[in-house]
């Protein structure tokens, strides 16, 4: 019934979809196995993509040739560029999305991708021969062979949902859990543990009083995620979100359910996300806070369903309902479904290599929440990397390993592989030490060419990058050569309380002033404006950033070059750490367990001191 596939992807969430698309677009014959064909690319939690650091990840996925950015743009109902008041390194695109349109666009793109087959069934067992993954066995008893397997199981591995004192087996509301895989993998020596996440109630938007809330409109300019020319929502057609707040009355009502809370009664073993805590966790941890912010987010163009962001909870349903109705604007709220917590299995990611292949079983890859991460974006970027590397491995090609200085994706994977995680891992800009290099505006310049050479990014993407590079170079040349006369600019400089100039000055030098933008200079110089306004807005912004932040960019590049000494110093895979008596016991244990590839990776392992790395370096130099 089934041919042998090159790659089988188990699970069709954000990680699984990107993995399947990547491997197929590179030429592998792919089977995507999902428990429900109707929930491919389901947005299980909030109907939004991107945000702080996450937006950078989506742009990186797009630059590599993934689908998440395109699908997000096609289903956007609101766009905002977050942190615009800060420097470009902190700018983070975010979209509010139509949940159903997002999933249908993903499925449409996958169905239009050559080499992708689908099958609806659950996978209960892997086919393992000589410590190598060779296929899967489904619940219907089908044995399907493959050269490589990518597991992207999300929250489904032995998933249990909690609502108050109720426990329901499942990976999502009305969907059963996946069993058998964890137990089999543990029998092969992999270590598993439990994590928890949660989701808030969904309410009827017709029952809310928006006049009591703060309106949050979209940006006047919709930039989007994809570097391709994707049709985007018109600014005037965007849907608004709203903001409201809890108060002491809401908190007291929620506390009445704490004695029946699965979290406080010890029924939940898994650790929850530190940076996206439940409302009961917020009240407990931040007892001095009088109120907590709630984002009231529409779920789509043609639905009244509302997602109450910030009110994630597993308290009894009636407590959720009564507390919600005390929130300003929610006095008459009708609940569509309650919030719940979900507990699931994951595998410590230190058991993986940088390609996301398991160390214990060859040609078996993990991506997404099975690795201890949380978030659509974190899952999707692991999916595209696992799919690409599975294809490269079975075709005897070198792997794609992104460095921390090359992409937020590189930071995420290095953190997981080197440090592991005891709680759901979420990406932040603060996790990246080279933020000025890893901006959302230059992901295409950083990543598209390497993906194109590997066969994923298509020629259109490469051509657009080349055109962008040429335009940015031309713009910078004009700004570096054209001078501005004092009489054309001094009136403007006086108006903004900036020092006037006494002799003509290069436009690029004026642009270095922190309170002056390129657009302001062009508005006050007709001749320069005529030479510059022929270029794309995106290229103008890129040229401005490169000129304005040149010193900071060069400084970070120098640090990267200095650190390359450690990153390029390879540690033999069979290195005997027991020979080094001088390193600490903890460092020796961590080195033997994680088996770092380079001295750079060794230096980032939790519990390893600089002195341990120096001793290791000296010993390797002998």
Protein backbone atom coordinates (compact mmCIF):
# COMPACT_ATOMS: atom_id res chain seq x y z
CA UNK A 1 0.00 0.00 0.00
CA UNK A 2 2.86 2.38 0.81
CA UNK A 3 6.10 2.88 -1.09
CA UNK A 4 9.35 3.49 0.75
CA UNK A 5 9.76 7.21 1.50
CA UNK A 6 12.88 9.26 1.90
CA UNK A 7 11.48 11.11 4.93
CA UNK A 8 8.45 10.44 7.12
CA UNK A 9 7.29 13.36 9.27
CA UNK A 10 5.16 12.40 12.27
CA UNK A 11 2.79 15.23 13.23
CA UNK A 12 1.45 18.14 11.16
CA UNK A 13 1.80 21.10 13.47
CA UNK A 14 4.09 24.04 12.75
CA UNK A 15 7.28 21.96 13.07
CA UNK A 16 5.94 19.07 11.02
CA UNK A 17 4.63 21.25 8.21
CA UNK A 18 7.94 23.10 7.84
CA UNK A 19 9.91 19.83 8.03
CA UNK A 20 7.78 18.20 5.32
CA UNK A 21 7.90 21.25 3.03
CA UNK A 22 11.68 21.67 3.42
CA UNK A 23 12.59 18.04 2.72
CA UNK A 24 10.14 17.84 -0.21
CA UNK A 25 11.29 21.09 -1.81
CA UNK A 26 14.88 19.84 -1.64
CA UNK A 27 13.85 16.70 -3.54
CA UNK A 28 12.96 14.07 -0.93
CA UNK A 29 9.82 11.96 -1.25
CA UNK A 30 7.95 12.82 1.98
CA UNK A 31 5.02 11.29 3.88
CA UNK A 32 3.33 13.57 6.41
CA UNK A 33 1.44 11.47 8.96
CA UNK A 34 -1.17 13.30 11.05
CA UNK A 35 -3.86 12.09 13.41
CA UNK A 36 -6.36 14.48 11.81
CA UNK A 37 -6.16 15.93 8.30
CA UNK A 38 -8.54 18.71 9.38
CA UNK A 39 -6.14 20.14 11.95
CA UNK A 40 -2.98 20.54 9.85
CA UNK A 41 -1.09 23.65 11.05
CA UNK A 42 -3.68 24.31 13.74
CA UNK A 43 -3.02 27.38 15.89
CA UNK A 44 -3.66 25.57 19.17
CA UNK A 45 -3.02 28.63 21.30
CA UNK A 46 -3.19 32.31 20.33
CA UNK A 47 -4.00 33.26 16.73
CA UNK A 48 -0.80 35.26 16.20
CA UNK A 49 2.67 34.87 14.73
CA UNK A 50 5.92 36.64 15.55
CA UNK A 51 6.54 39.12 18.35
CA UNK A 52 9.70 39.87 20.31
CA UNK A 53 12.53 37.69 18.83
CA UNK A 54 9.87 35.35 17.40
CA UNK A 55 9.27 37.73 14.50
CA UNK A 56 12.97 37.52 13.65
CA UNK A 57 12.67 33.72 13.58
CA UNK A 58 9.75 33.81 11.12
CA UNK A 59 11.73 36.11 8.83
CA UNK A 60 14.68 33.68 9.04
CA UNK A 61 12.42 30.75 8.15
CA UNK A 62 11.15 32.76 5.18
CA UNK A 63 14.69 33.68 4.11
CA UNK A 64 15.57 29.97 4.09
CA UNK A 65 12.59 29.20 1.87
CA UNK A 66 10.07 28.06 4.48
CA UNK A 67 6.32 28.69 4.34
CA UNK A 68 5.47 30.22 7.75
CA UNK A 69 6.09 33.82 6.69
CA UNK A 70 4.03 33.48 3.51
CA UNK A 71 1.11 31.79 5.29
CA UNK A 72 1.20 34.39 8.08
CA UNK A 73 1.07 37.25 5.56
CA UNK A 74 -1.81 35.67 3.65
CA UNK A 75 -3.88 35.22 6.83
CA UNK A 76 -3.02 38.49 8.62
CA UNK A 77 -5.85 40.51 10.12
CA UNK A 78 -3.52 42.94 11.93
CA UNK A 79 0.19 43.80 11.66
CA UNK A 80 2.41 45.59 14.16
CA UNK A 81 6.16 46.18 14.25
CA UNK A 82 6.96 45.95 17.96
CA UNK A 83 9.73 47.93 19.68
CA UNK A 84 9.85 50.52 16.88
CA UNK A 85 10.82 53.18 19.46
CA UNK A 86 14.06 51.26 20.09
CA UNK A 87 16.96 50.48 17.75
CA UNK A 88 16.54 48.23 14.68
CA UNK A 89 18.08 45.25 16.51
CA UNK A 90 14.95 45.18 18.68
CA UNK A 91 12.30 45.68 15.97
CA UNK A 92 10.05 42.61 15.90
CA UNK A 93 7.20 42.03 13.44
CA UNK A 94 3.97 40.48 14.75
CA UNK A 95 0.72 39.50 13.05
CA UNK A 96 -2.71 38.75 14.38
CA UNK A 97 -4.06 35.98 12.16
CA UNK A 98 -7.28 34.40 11.04
CA UNK A 99 -6.94 31.00 12.68
CA UNK A 100 -8.91 29.04 10.06
CA UNK A 101 -7.41 30.88 7.09
CA UNK A 102 -3.90 30.24 8.47
CA UNK A 103 -4.49 26.48 8.64
CA UNK A 104 -6.23 26.30 5.25
CA UNK A 105 -3.43 28.28 3.53
CA UNK A 106 -0.82 25.97 5.09
CA UNK A 107 -2.67 22.89 3.85
CA UNK A 108 -3.13 24.45 0.41
CA UNK A 109 0.60 25.19 0.12
CA UNK A 110 1.54 21.68 1.26
CA UNK A 111 -0.91 20.09 -1.18
CA UNK A 112 0.66 22.15 -3.96
CA UNK A 113 4.16 21.03 -2.96
CA UNK A 114 5.47 18.20 -5.15
CA UNK A 115 6.79 15.14 -3.27
CA UNK A 116 4.47 15.51 -0.23
CA UNK A 117 2.02 12.66 0.50
CA UNK A 118 -0.41 12.67 3.42
CA UNK A 119 -1.85 9.92 5.59
CA UNK A 120 -4.29 10.22 8.49
CA UNK A 121 -3.34 7.84 11.29
CA UNK A 122 -1.39 7.88 14.53
CA UNK A 123 2.12 6.47 14.84
CA UNK A 124 2.51 4.15 17.80
CA UNK A 125 5.94 2.71 17.08
CA UNK A 126 9.08 3.36 15.08
CA UNK A 127 10.84 0.77 12.94
CA UNK A 128 14.37 0.58 14.35
CA UNK A 129 17.09 -1.57 12.80
CA UNK A 130 20.71 -1.55 14.03
CA UNK A 131 20.03 1.64 16.04
CA UNK A 132 18.74 3.41 12.93
CA UNK A 133 15.21 4.73 12.29
CA UNK A 134 13.85 3.00 9.20
CA UNK A 135 10.15 3.87 9.27
CA UNK A 136 6.98 3.86 11.37
CA UNK A 137 4.16 1.55 12.44
CA UNK A 138 0.70 3.15 12.63
CA UNK A 139 -2.25 2.36 14.87
CA UNK A 140 -3.90 0.58 11.93
CA UNK A 141 -0.88 -1.71 11.70
CA UNK A 142 0.69 -0.22 8.57
CA UNK A 143 4.46 -0.59 8.38
CA UNK A 144 5.82 2.30 6.32
CA UNK A 145 9.53 2.37 5.54
CA UNK A 146 11.70 5.47 5.14
CA UNK A 147 15.33 6.54 5.09
CA UNK A 148 14.73 9.06 7.92
CA UNK A 149 11.98 9.94 10.40
CA UNK A 150 11.21 13.36 11.90
CA UNK A 151 9.04 13.38 15.03
CA UNK A 152 7.11 16.60 15.64
CA UNK A 153 4.57 15.40 18.19
CA UNK A 154 3.77 18.71 19.90
CA UNK A 155 1.83 18.18 23.13
CA UNK A 156 0.43 14.80 22.07
CA UNK A 157 2.95 12.36 23.63
CA UNK A 158 0.96 10.93 26.57
CA UNK A 159 -0.87 14.26 26.77
CA UNK A 160 -3.24 14.92 29.69
CA UNK A 161 -5.51 17.98 29.87
CA UNK A 162 -6.50 19.52 33.20
CA UNK A 163 -9.55 21.67 33.94
CA UNK A 164 -9.98 22.02 37.70
CA UNK A 165 -10.34 18.54 39.13
CA UNK A 166 -11.06 16.99 35.72
CA UNK A 167 -8.36 15.09 33.85
CA UNK A 168 -8.83 14.21 30.20
CA UNK A 169 -6.38 12.26 28.07
CA UNK A 170 -5.55 14.11 24.87
CA UNK A 171 -3.11 16.33 23.03
CA UNK A 172 -5.65 19.08 22.36
CA UNK A 173 -9.38 19.60 23.01
CA UNK A 174 -11.36 16.74 21.44
CA UNK A 175 -8.18 15.05 20.13
CA UNK A 176 -6.69 11.91 21.63
CA UNK A 177 -3.12 11.60 22.90
CA UNK A 178 -0.34 9.66 21.17
CA UNK A 179 0.96 6.63 23.04
CA UNK A 180 3.73 4.12 22.56
CA UNK A 181 6.49 6.30 21.11
CA UNK A 182 7.83 7.61 24.43
CA UNK A 183 8.02 4.15 25.94
CA UNK A 184 9.82 2.74 22.90
CA UNK A 185 12.37 5.58 22.79
CA UNK A 186 13.06 5.24 26.52
CA UNK A 187 13.79 1.54 25.93
CA UNK A 188 16.55 2.66 23.55
CA UNK A 189 18.13 4.79 26.25
CA UNK A 190 16.60 8.22 25.63
CA UNK A 191 15.52 10.18 28.71
CA UNK A 192 12.04 11.72 28.80
CA UNK A 193 10.35 14.07 31.23
CA UNK A 194 7.13 16.08 31.54
CA UNK A 195 6.32 19.71 30.73
CA UNK A 196 3.14 21.75 30.96
CA UNK A 197 1.56 24.52 28.95
CA UNK A 198 -1.85 26.11 28.99
CA UNK A 199 -4.40 28.08 27.03
CA UNK A 200 -7.03 30.66 28.04
CA UNK A 201 -10.81 30.62 27.62
CA UNK A 202 -12.39 31.60 24.29
CA UNK A 203 -15.36 33.96 24.52
CA UNK A 204 -18.12 35.36 22.33
CA UNK A 205 -17.06 38.78 21.03
CA UNK A 206 -20.71 39.84 20.71
CA UNK A 207 -21.01 39.69 24.50
CA UNK A 208 -18.13 42.12 25.20
CA UNK A 209 -18.28 45.88 25.82
CA UNK A 210 -15.28 47.27 23.92
CA UNK A 211 -16.01 50.83 25.09
CA UNK A 212 -14.50 49.86 28.46
CA UNK A 213 -11.24 48.71 26.85
CA UNK A 214 -8.27 50.36 25.16
CA UNK A 215 -8.25 49.91 21.39
CA UNK A 216 -5.00 48.65 19.87
CA UNK A 217 -4.90 49.33 16.13
CA UNK A 218 -2.52 47.90 13.56
CA UNK A 219 0.36 49.85 12.00
CA UNK A 220 -0.24 52.30 9.18
CA UNK A 221 2.38 50.42 7.16
CA UNK A 222 1.99 46.64 6.82
CA UNK A 223 5.48 45.23 6.33
CA UNK A 224 4.68 41.56 6.87
CA UNK A 225 7.11 38.65 7.21
CA UNK A 226 7.89 37.35 3.73
CA UNK A 227 10.64 38.80 1.57
CA UNK A 228 8.61 37.69 -1.46
CA UNK A 229 5.99 39.99 -2.97
CA UNK A 230 3.03 38.57 -1.05
CA UNK A 231 -0.34 40.36 -1.10
CA UNK A 232 -0.94 41.72 2.38
CA UNK A 233 -3.90 43.15 4.25
CA UNK A 234 -4.55 46.83 3.51
CA UNK A 235 -3.80 49.01 6.56
CA UNK A 236 -7.32 50.46 6.64
CA UNK A 237 -8.89 46.97 6.66
CA UNK A 238 -7.04 45.66 9.72
CA UNK A 239 -8.94 44.38 12.76
CA UNK A 240 -8.28 46.01 16.11
CA UNK A 241 -7.26 44.21 19.26
CA UNK A 242 -8.15 45.59 22.68
CA UNK A 243 -6.56 45.78 26.12
CA UNK A 244 -8.24 45.45 29.50
CA UNK A 245 -7.05 44.56 33.01
CA UNK A 246 -7.81 42.30 35.93
CA UNK A 247 -8.22 43.83 39.39
CA UNK A 248 -8.34 42.79 43.05
CA UNK A 249 -11.92 41.50 42.72
CA UNK A 250 -10.93 39.24 39.81
CA UNK A 251 -7.94 37.95 41.78
CA UNK A 252 -10.05 37.13 44.84
CA UNK A 253 -12.55 35.22 42.72
CA UNK A 254 -9.75 33.23 41.07
CA UNK A 255 -8.30 32.36 44.49
CA UNK A 256 -11.57 30.63 45.43
CA UNK A 257 -10.64 27.91 42.97
CA UNK A 258 -7.03 27.41 44.10
CA UNK A 259 -8.01 24.46 46.34
CA UNK A 260 -9.23 22.66 43.19
CA UNK A 261 -6.38 23.80 40.96
CA UNK A 262 -4.42 20.88 39.44
CA UNK A 263 -1.28 23.00 39.67
CA UNK A 264 -1.55 23.66 43.41
CA UNK A 265 -2.89 20.20 44.26
CA UNK A 266 0.15 18.52 42.69
CA UNK A 267 -1.76 16.73 39.93
CA UNK A 268 0.45 18.40 37.32
CA UNK A 269 4.01 17.08 37.40
CA UNK A 270 5.38 19.07 34.46
CA UNK A 271 7.01 22.48 34.72
CA UNK A 272 5.14 25.31 33.00
CA UNK A 273 6.48 28.21 30.88
CA UNK A 274 8.21 30.81 33.05
CA UNK A 275 7.53 33.66 30.63
CA UNK A 276 3.92 32.84 29.81
CA UNK A 277 2.50 31.88 33.22
CA UNK A 278 -1.12 31.05 33.96
CA UNK A 279 -3.27 33.75 35.56
CA UNK A 280 -3.28 31.84 38.86
CA UNK A 281 0.50 31.63 38.71
CA UNK A 282 0.73 35.40 38.11
CA UNK A 283 -1.47 36.11 41.12
CA UNK A 284 0.63 33.82 43.30
CA UNK A 285 4.09 34.91 42.08
CA UNK A 286 3.32 38.62 41.79
CA UNK A 287 1.10 39.07 44.82
CA UNK A 288 1.97 42.78 45.03
CA UNK A 289 0.56 43.50 41.57
CA UNK A 290 -2.89 45.05 41.69
CA UNK A 291 -3.74 44.22 38.10
CA UNK A 292 -2.60 42.18 35.09
CA UNK A 293 -2.95 43.14 31.44
CA UNK A 294 -5.23 41.14 29.15
CA UNK A 295 -5.13 41.31 25.35
CA UNK A 296 -8.50 40.78 23.70
CA UNK A 297 -7.67 39.24 20.32
CA UNK A 298 -10.09 38.40 17.47
CA UNK A 299 -9.69 34.90 16.03
CA UNK A 300 -10.39 35.83 12.42
CA UNK A 301 -12.27 37.81 9.80
CA UNK A 302 -15.54 35.87 9.89
CA UNK A 303 -15.91 34.76 13.49
CA UNK A 304 -16.98 36.36 16.75
CA UNK A 305 -14.64 34.09 18.74
CA UNK A 306 -12.18 35.97 20.95
CA UNK A 307 -8.90 34.77 22.46
CA UNK A 308 -8.27 36.22 25.94
CA UNK A 309 -4.47 36.51 25.89
CA UNK A 310 -3.01 36.66 29.41
CA UNK A 311 -5.76 34.61 31.06
CA UNK A 312 -4.31 31.12 30.59
CA UNK A 313 -5.74 28.93 33.34
CA UNK A 314 -6.61 25.41 34.47
CA UNK A 315 -8.95 26.45 37.27
CA UNK A 316 -12.48 24.97 37.45
CA UNK A 317 -14.69 26.17 34.61
CA UNK A 318 -17.19 27.99 36.84
CA UNK A 319 -14.37 29.93 38.56
CA UNK A 320 -12.96 30.96 35.18
CA UNK A 321 -16.41 32.15 34.12
CA UNK A 322 -17.17 34.17 37.25
CA UNK A 323 -13.72 35.77 37.33
CA UNK A 324 -13.87 36.72 33.65
CA UNK A 325 -17.20 38.46 34.14
CA UNK A 326 -15.56 40.79 36.67
CA UNK A 327 -13.06 42.06 34.10
CA UNK A 328 -13.98 45.49 32.65
CA UNK A 329 -15.81 44.93 29.36
CA UNK A 330 -16.48 41.27 30.17
CA UNK A 331 -19.45 41.79 32.51
CA UNK A 332 -21.80 39.92 30.15
CA UNK A 333 -19.20 37.62 28.59
CA UNK A 334 -20.34 34.27 27.21
CA UNK A 335 -17.70 31.56 27.20
CA UNK A 336 -17.23 29.33 24.15
CA UNK A 337 -14.82 27.00 25.91
CA UNK A 338 -12.77 27.11 29.11
CA UNK A 339 -9.03 27.41 29.45
CA UNK A 340 -7.06 24.30 30.30
CA UNK A 341 -3.55 23.09 31.07
CA UNK A 342 -1.93 20.27 29.17
CA UNK A 343 0.90 18.05 30.35
CA UNK A 344 3.01 16.08 27.88
CA UNK A 345 6.27 14.17 27.37
CA UNK A 346 9.41 15.77 26.01
CA UNK A 347 12.99 14.61 25.55
CA UNK A 348 15.94 16.54 26.96
CA UNK A 349 17.45 18.18 23.84
CA UNK A 350 21.03 17.58 24.99
CA UNK A 351 20.41 14.10 23.53
CA UNK A 352 20.46 15.63 20.03
CA UNK A 353 23.19 16.72 17.65
CA UNK A 354 23.20 20.18 16.05
CA UNK A 355 21.24 18.77 13.10
CA UNK A 356 18.44 17.78 15.55
CA UNK A 357 19.23 14.10 14.94
CA UNK A 358 19.16 11.95 18.06
CA UNK A 359 22.55 10.70 19.24
CA UNK A 360 21.13 7.33 20.26
CA UNK A 361 19.29 6.49 17.02
CA UNK A 362 20.63 7.42 13.61
CA UNK A 363 18.33 9.13 11.07
CA UNK A 364 15.78 9.99 13.77
CA UNK A 365 15.10 13.71 14.18
CA UNK A 366 13.11 15.65 16.77
CA UNK A 367 11.58 19.12 16.22
CA UNK A 368 9.26 21.34 18.24
CA UNK A 369 7.78 20.78 21.69
CA UNK A 370 9.25 17.29 21.90
CA UNK A 371 12.56 19.17 22.42
CA UNK A 372 11.19 21.26 25.29
CA UNK A 373 10.37 24.46 23.43
CA UNK A 374 7.16 26.47 23.46
CA UNK A 375 5.73 28.61 20.66
CA UNK A 376 4.79 28.22 17.01
CA UNK A 377 7.88 30.06 15.81
CA UNK A 378 10.33 28.01 17.87
CA UNK A 379 8.68 24.83 16.58
CA UNK A 380 8.61 25.93 12.94
CA UNK A 381 12.29 26.84 12.83
CA UNK A 382 13.27 23.47 14.29
CA UNK A 383 11.03 21.82 11.73
CA UNK A 384 12.69 23.46 8.74
CA UNK A 385 16.16 22.64 10.10
CA UNK A 386 15.24 19.00 10.83
CA UNK A 387 13.66 18.59 7.40
CA UNK A 388 16.66 20.11 5.61
CA UNK A 389 19.18 18.09 7.59
CA UNK A 390 17.26 14.82 7.18
CA UNK A 391 17.36 15.36 3.41
CA UNK A 392 21.05 16.28 3.45
CA UNK A 393 21.98 13.28 5.63
CA UNK A 394 20.30 10.63 3.50
CA UNK A 395 21.86 12.17 0.40
CA UNK A 396 25.35 12.09 1.95
CA UNK A 397 25.68 15.88 1.94
CA UNK A 398 27.20 18.05 4.70
CA UNK A 399 24.66 19.27 7.29
CA UNK A 400 23.36 22.82 7.70
CA UNK A 401 24.34 24.11 11.15
CA UNK A 402 23.61 27.78 11.78
CA UNK A 403 25.96 29.57 14.16
CA UNK A 404 24.84 31.87 16.97
CA UNK A 405 26.22 34.79 14.95
CA UNK A 406 24.22 33.80 11.85
CA UNK A 407 20.64 33.41 13.06
CA UNK A 408 18.28 33.35 16.03
CA UNK A 409 17.63 29.78 14.86
CA UNK A 410 21.31 29.07 15.57
CA UNK A 411 20.98 30.58 19.05
CA UNK A 412 17.90 28.47 19.81
CA UNK A 413 19.42 25.17 18.67
CA UNK A 414 22.74 25.86 20.40
CA UNK A 415 20.93 26.71 23.66
CA UNK A 416 18.92 23.49 23.49
CA UNK A 417 21.82 21.23 22.55
CA UNK A 418 24.39 22.76 24.92
CA UNK A 419 22.28 23.70 27.93
CA UNK A 420 19.13 21.63 27.70
CA UNK A 421 15.97 22.91 29.35
CA UNK A 422 13.97 22.10 32.46
CA UNK A 423 11.05 24.36 31.48
CA UNK A 424 9.41 25.27 28.16
CA UNK A 425 12.05 27.22 26.22
CA UNK A 426 11.01 30.49 24.61
CA UNK A 427 13.16 32.75 22.44
CA UNK A 428 13.98 36.33 23.53
CA UNK A 429 16.26 38.94 21.99
CA UNK A 430 18.26 38.81 25.23
CA UNK A 431 19.31 35.22 24.49
CA UNK A 432 21.24 36.41 21.41
CA UNK A 433 24.61 38.06 22.02
CA UNK A 434 24.79 39.37 18.43
CA UNK A 435 21.45 41.15 18.17
CA UNK A 436 22.78 43.93 15.96
CA UNK A 437 23.77 41.34 13.35
CA UNK A 438 20.59 39.27 13.70
CA UNK A 439 18.01 41.90 12.78
CA UNK A 440 14.61 41.17 11.26
CA UNK A 441 15.40 43.39 8.27
CA UNK A 442 18.46 41.44 7.07
CA UNK A 443 17.51 37.76 7.47
CA UNK A 444 17.44 37.39 3.67
CA UNK A 445 20.94 38.86 3.35
CA UNK A 446 22.17 36.45 6.03
CA UNK A 447 20.51 33.19 5.03
CA UNK A 448 18.98 33.03 1.56
CA UNK A 449 22.21 32.43 -0.35
CA UNK A 450 23.28 29.46 1.80
CA UNK A 451 19.80 27.94 1.49
CA UNK A 452 19.79 28.53 -2.27
CA UNK A 453 23.09 26.67 -2.62
CA UNK A 454 21.58 23.72 -0.72
CA UNK A 455 18.55 23.62 -3.00
CA UNK A 456 15.75 24.95 -0.78
CA UNK A 457 15.46 28.69 -1.44
CA UNK A 458 14.30 29.17 -5.02
CA UNK A 459 15.85 31.32 -7.73
CA UNK A 460 13.28 34.11 -7.26
CA UNK A 461 14.42 34.59 -3.66
CA UNK A 462 18.08 34.65 -4.68
CA UNK A 463 17.39 37.18 -7.40
CA UNK A 464 15.56 39.46 -4.98
CA UNK A 465 18.48 39.28 -2.53
CA UNK A 466 20.93 40.18 -5.29
CA UNK A 467 18.77 43.14 -6.36
CA UNK A 468 18.44 44.30 -2.77
CA UNK A 469 22.20 44.08 -2.23
CA UNK A 470 22.85 46.09 -5.39
CA UNK A 471 20.33 48.77 -4.48
CA UNK A 472 21.65 49.13 -0.91
CA UNK A 473 25.21 49.50 -2.25
CA UNK A 474 24.08 52.19 -4.71
CA UNK A 475 22.16 54.11 -2.02
CA UNK A 476 25.16 54.03 0.33
CA UNK A 477 27.42 55.25 -2.47
CA UNK A 478 25.12 58.22 -3.14
CA UNK A 479 24.92 59.12 0.57
CA UNK A 480 28.69 58.77 0.98
CA UNK A 481 29.46 61.01 -2.01
CA UNK A 482 26.67 63.63 -2.02
CA UNK A 483 27.29 66.68 0.14
CA UNK A 484 24.62 68.83 1.79
CA UNK A 485 25.01 72.61 1.92
CA UNK A 486 24.43 74.42 5.25
CA UNK A 487 21.71 76.65 3.79
CA UNK A 488 19.58 73.62 2.76
CA UNK A 489 19.64 71.84 6.12
CA UNK A 490 20.36 74.33 8.95
CA UNK A 491 16.78 75.52 9.32
CA UNK A 492 15.69 71.91 9.87
CA UNK A 493 18.58 71.25 12.28
CA UNK A 494 17.58 74.32 14.31
CA UNK A 495 13.95 73.12 14.46
CA UNK A 496 14.98 69.78 15.99
CA UNK A 497 17.57 71.35 18.36
CA UNK A 498 20.49 69.72 16.54
CA UNK A 499 23.78 71.51 15.93
CA UNK A 500 23.91 73.43 12.66
CA UNK A 501 26.73 72.90 10.15
CA UNK A 502 29.13 75.63 8.95
CA UNK A 503 30.36 73.87 5.84
CA UNK A 504 28.95 71.26 3.49
CA UNK A 505 28.78 67.76 4.88
CA UNK A 506 28.30 64.28 3.43
CA UNK A 507 24.73 63.04 3.76
CA UNK A 508 25.97 59.83 5.40
CA UNK A 509 27.71 61.84 8.14
CA UNK A 510 24.54 63.77 8.94
CA UNK A 511 22.66 60.47 9.06
CA UNK A 512 24.91 59.33 11.94
CA UNK A 513 23.14 61.79 14.23
CA UNK A 514 20.74 59.77 16.41
CA UNK A 515 17.77 62.14 16.01
CA UNK A 516 17.94 62.40 12.21
CA UNK A 517 16.38 59.94 9.75
CA UNK A 518 17.09 59.48 6.06
CA UNK A 519 13.55 60.57 5.22
CA UNK A 520 14.08 63.87 7.08
CA UNK A 521 17.29 64.54 5.15
CA UNK A 522 15.56 63.80 1.84
CA UNK A 523 12.63 66.06 2.74
CA UNK A 524 15.07 68.95 3.13
CA UNK A 525 17.18 68.30 0.04
CA UNK A 526 15.37 68.15 -3.29
CA UNK A 527 18.43 67.17 -5.35
CA UNK A 528 19.32 64.24 -3.06
CA UNK A 529 15.68 63.20 -2.92
CA UNK A 530 15.55 62.94 -6.73
CA UNK A 531 18.57 60.63 -6.74
CA UNK A 532 17.35 58.45 -3.87
CA UNK A 533 13.57 58.12 -4.30
CA UNK A 534 13.97 55.75 -7.26
CA UNK A 535 14.93 52.96 -4.85
CA UNK A 536 12.64 50.58 -2.94
CA UNK A 537 11.57 51.58 0.58
CA UNK A 538 12.97 48.32 1.97
CA UNK A 539 16.39 49.05 0.43
CA UNK A 540 16.36 52.64 1.70
CA UNK A 541 15.72 51.38 5.23
CA UNK A 542 18.46 48.76 4.93
CA UNK A 543 21.01 51.32 3.70
CA UNK A 544 20.06 53.72 6.50
CA UNK A 545 20.50 51.02 9.16
CA UNK A 546 23.86 49.91 7.74
CA UNK A 547 25.19 53.50 7.74
CA UNK A 548 23.71 54.54 11.08
CA UNK A 549 24.82 51.46 12.99
CA UNK A 550 28.02 50.67 11.07
CA UNK A 551 30.27 51.00 14.13
CA UNK A 552 28.09 48.71 16.23
CA UNK A 553 27.81 46.17 13.41
CA UNK A 554 31.57 46.14 12.86
CA UNK A 555 32.20 45.81 16.60
CA UNK A 556 29.97 42.73 16.79
CA UNK A 557 31.67 41.24 13.74
CA UNK A 558 35.04 41.69 15.45
CA UNK A 559 33.73 39.81 18.51
CA UNK A 560 32.43 37.04 16.24
CA UNK A 561 35.85 36.78 14.58
CA UNK A 562 37.60 36.56 17.95
CA UNK A 563 35.20 33.88 19.18
CA UNK A 564 35.66 31.92 15.95
CA UNK A 565 38.91 30.61 17.42
CA UNK A 566 36.89 28.65 19.96
CA UNK A 567 34.04 27.82 17.57
CA UNK A 568 36.42 26.38 14.98
CA UNK A 569 38.44 24.31 17.48
CA UNK A 570 36.90 20.86 17.04
CA UNK A 571 36.87 18.31 19.86
CA UNK A 572 37.32 14.70 18.65
CA UNK A 573 34.07 12.75 19.02
CA UNK A 574 35.90 9.99 20.95
CA UNK A 575 37.79 12.38 23.25
CA UNK A 576 38.50 10.80 26.66
CA UNK A 577 37.61 13.39 29.31
CA UNK A 578 38.62 11.02 32.11
CA UNK A 579 42.26 11.71 31.19
CA UNK A 580 41.95 15.33 32.39
CA UNK A 581 42.17 15.17 36.16
CA UNK A 582 42.28 18.96 36.59
CA UNK A 583 38.76 19.77 35.34
CA UNK A 584 35.84 19.83 37.78
CA UNK A 585 33.73 16.73 38.32
CA UNK A 586 30.62 18.56 37.06
CA UNK A 587 32.39 19.69 33.88
CA UNK A 588 33.62 16.14 33.21
CA UNK A 589 30.09 14.75 33.67
CA UNK A 590 28.58 17.39 31.39
CA UNK A 591 31.26 16.94 28.71
CA UNK A 592 30.74 13.16 28.69
CA UNK A 593 26.95 13.50 28.51
CA UNK A 594 26.66 16.26 25.90
CA UNK A 595 29.92 15.56 24.01
CA UNK A 596 30.38 19.10 22.64
CA UNK A 597 31.60 19.42 19.07
CA UNK A 598 33.76 22.51 19.65
CA UNK A 599 35.44 24.42 22.46
CA UNK A 600 32.87 27.17 21.83
CA UNK A 601 30.01 24.80 22.56
CA UNK A 602 31.87 23.41 25.59
CA UNK A 603 32.17 26.93 27.01
CA UNK A 604 28.38 27.44 26.88
CA UNK A 605 27.39 24.26 28.74
CA UNK A 606 25.66 25.06 32.02
CA UNK A 607 27.93 24.28 34.99
CA UNK A 608 31.17 24.51 33.01
CA UNK A 609 33.60 27.20 34.23
CA UNK A 610 36.04 29.19 32.04
CA UNK A 611 38.91 27.42 33.82
CA UNK A 612 37.53 24.04 32.69
CA UNK A 613 37.54 25.22 29.07
CA UNK A 614 41.08 26.61 29.40
CA UNK A 615 42.33 23.30 30.79
CA UNK A 616 40.56 21.42 28.01
CA UNK A 617 42.12 23.76 25.44
CA UNK A 618 45.62 23.21 26.84
CA UNK A 619 45.13 19.45 26.93
CA UNK A 620 43.90 19.39 23.32
CA UNK A 621 46.92 21.42 22.24
CA UNK A 622 49.33 18.73 23.40
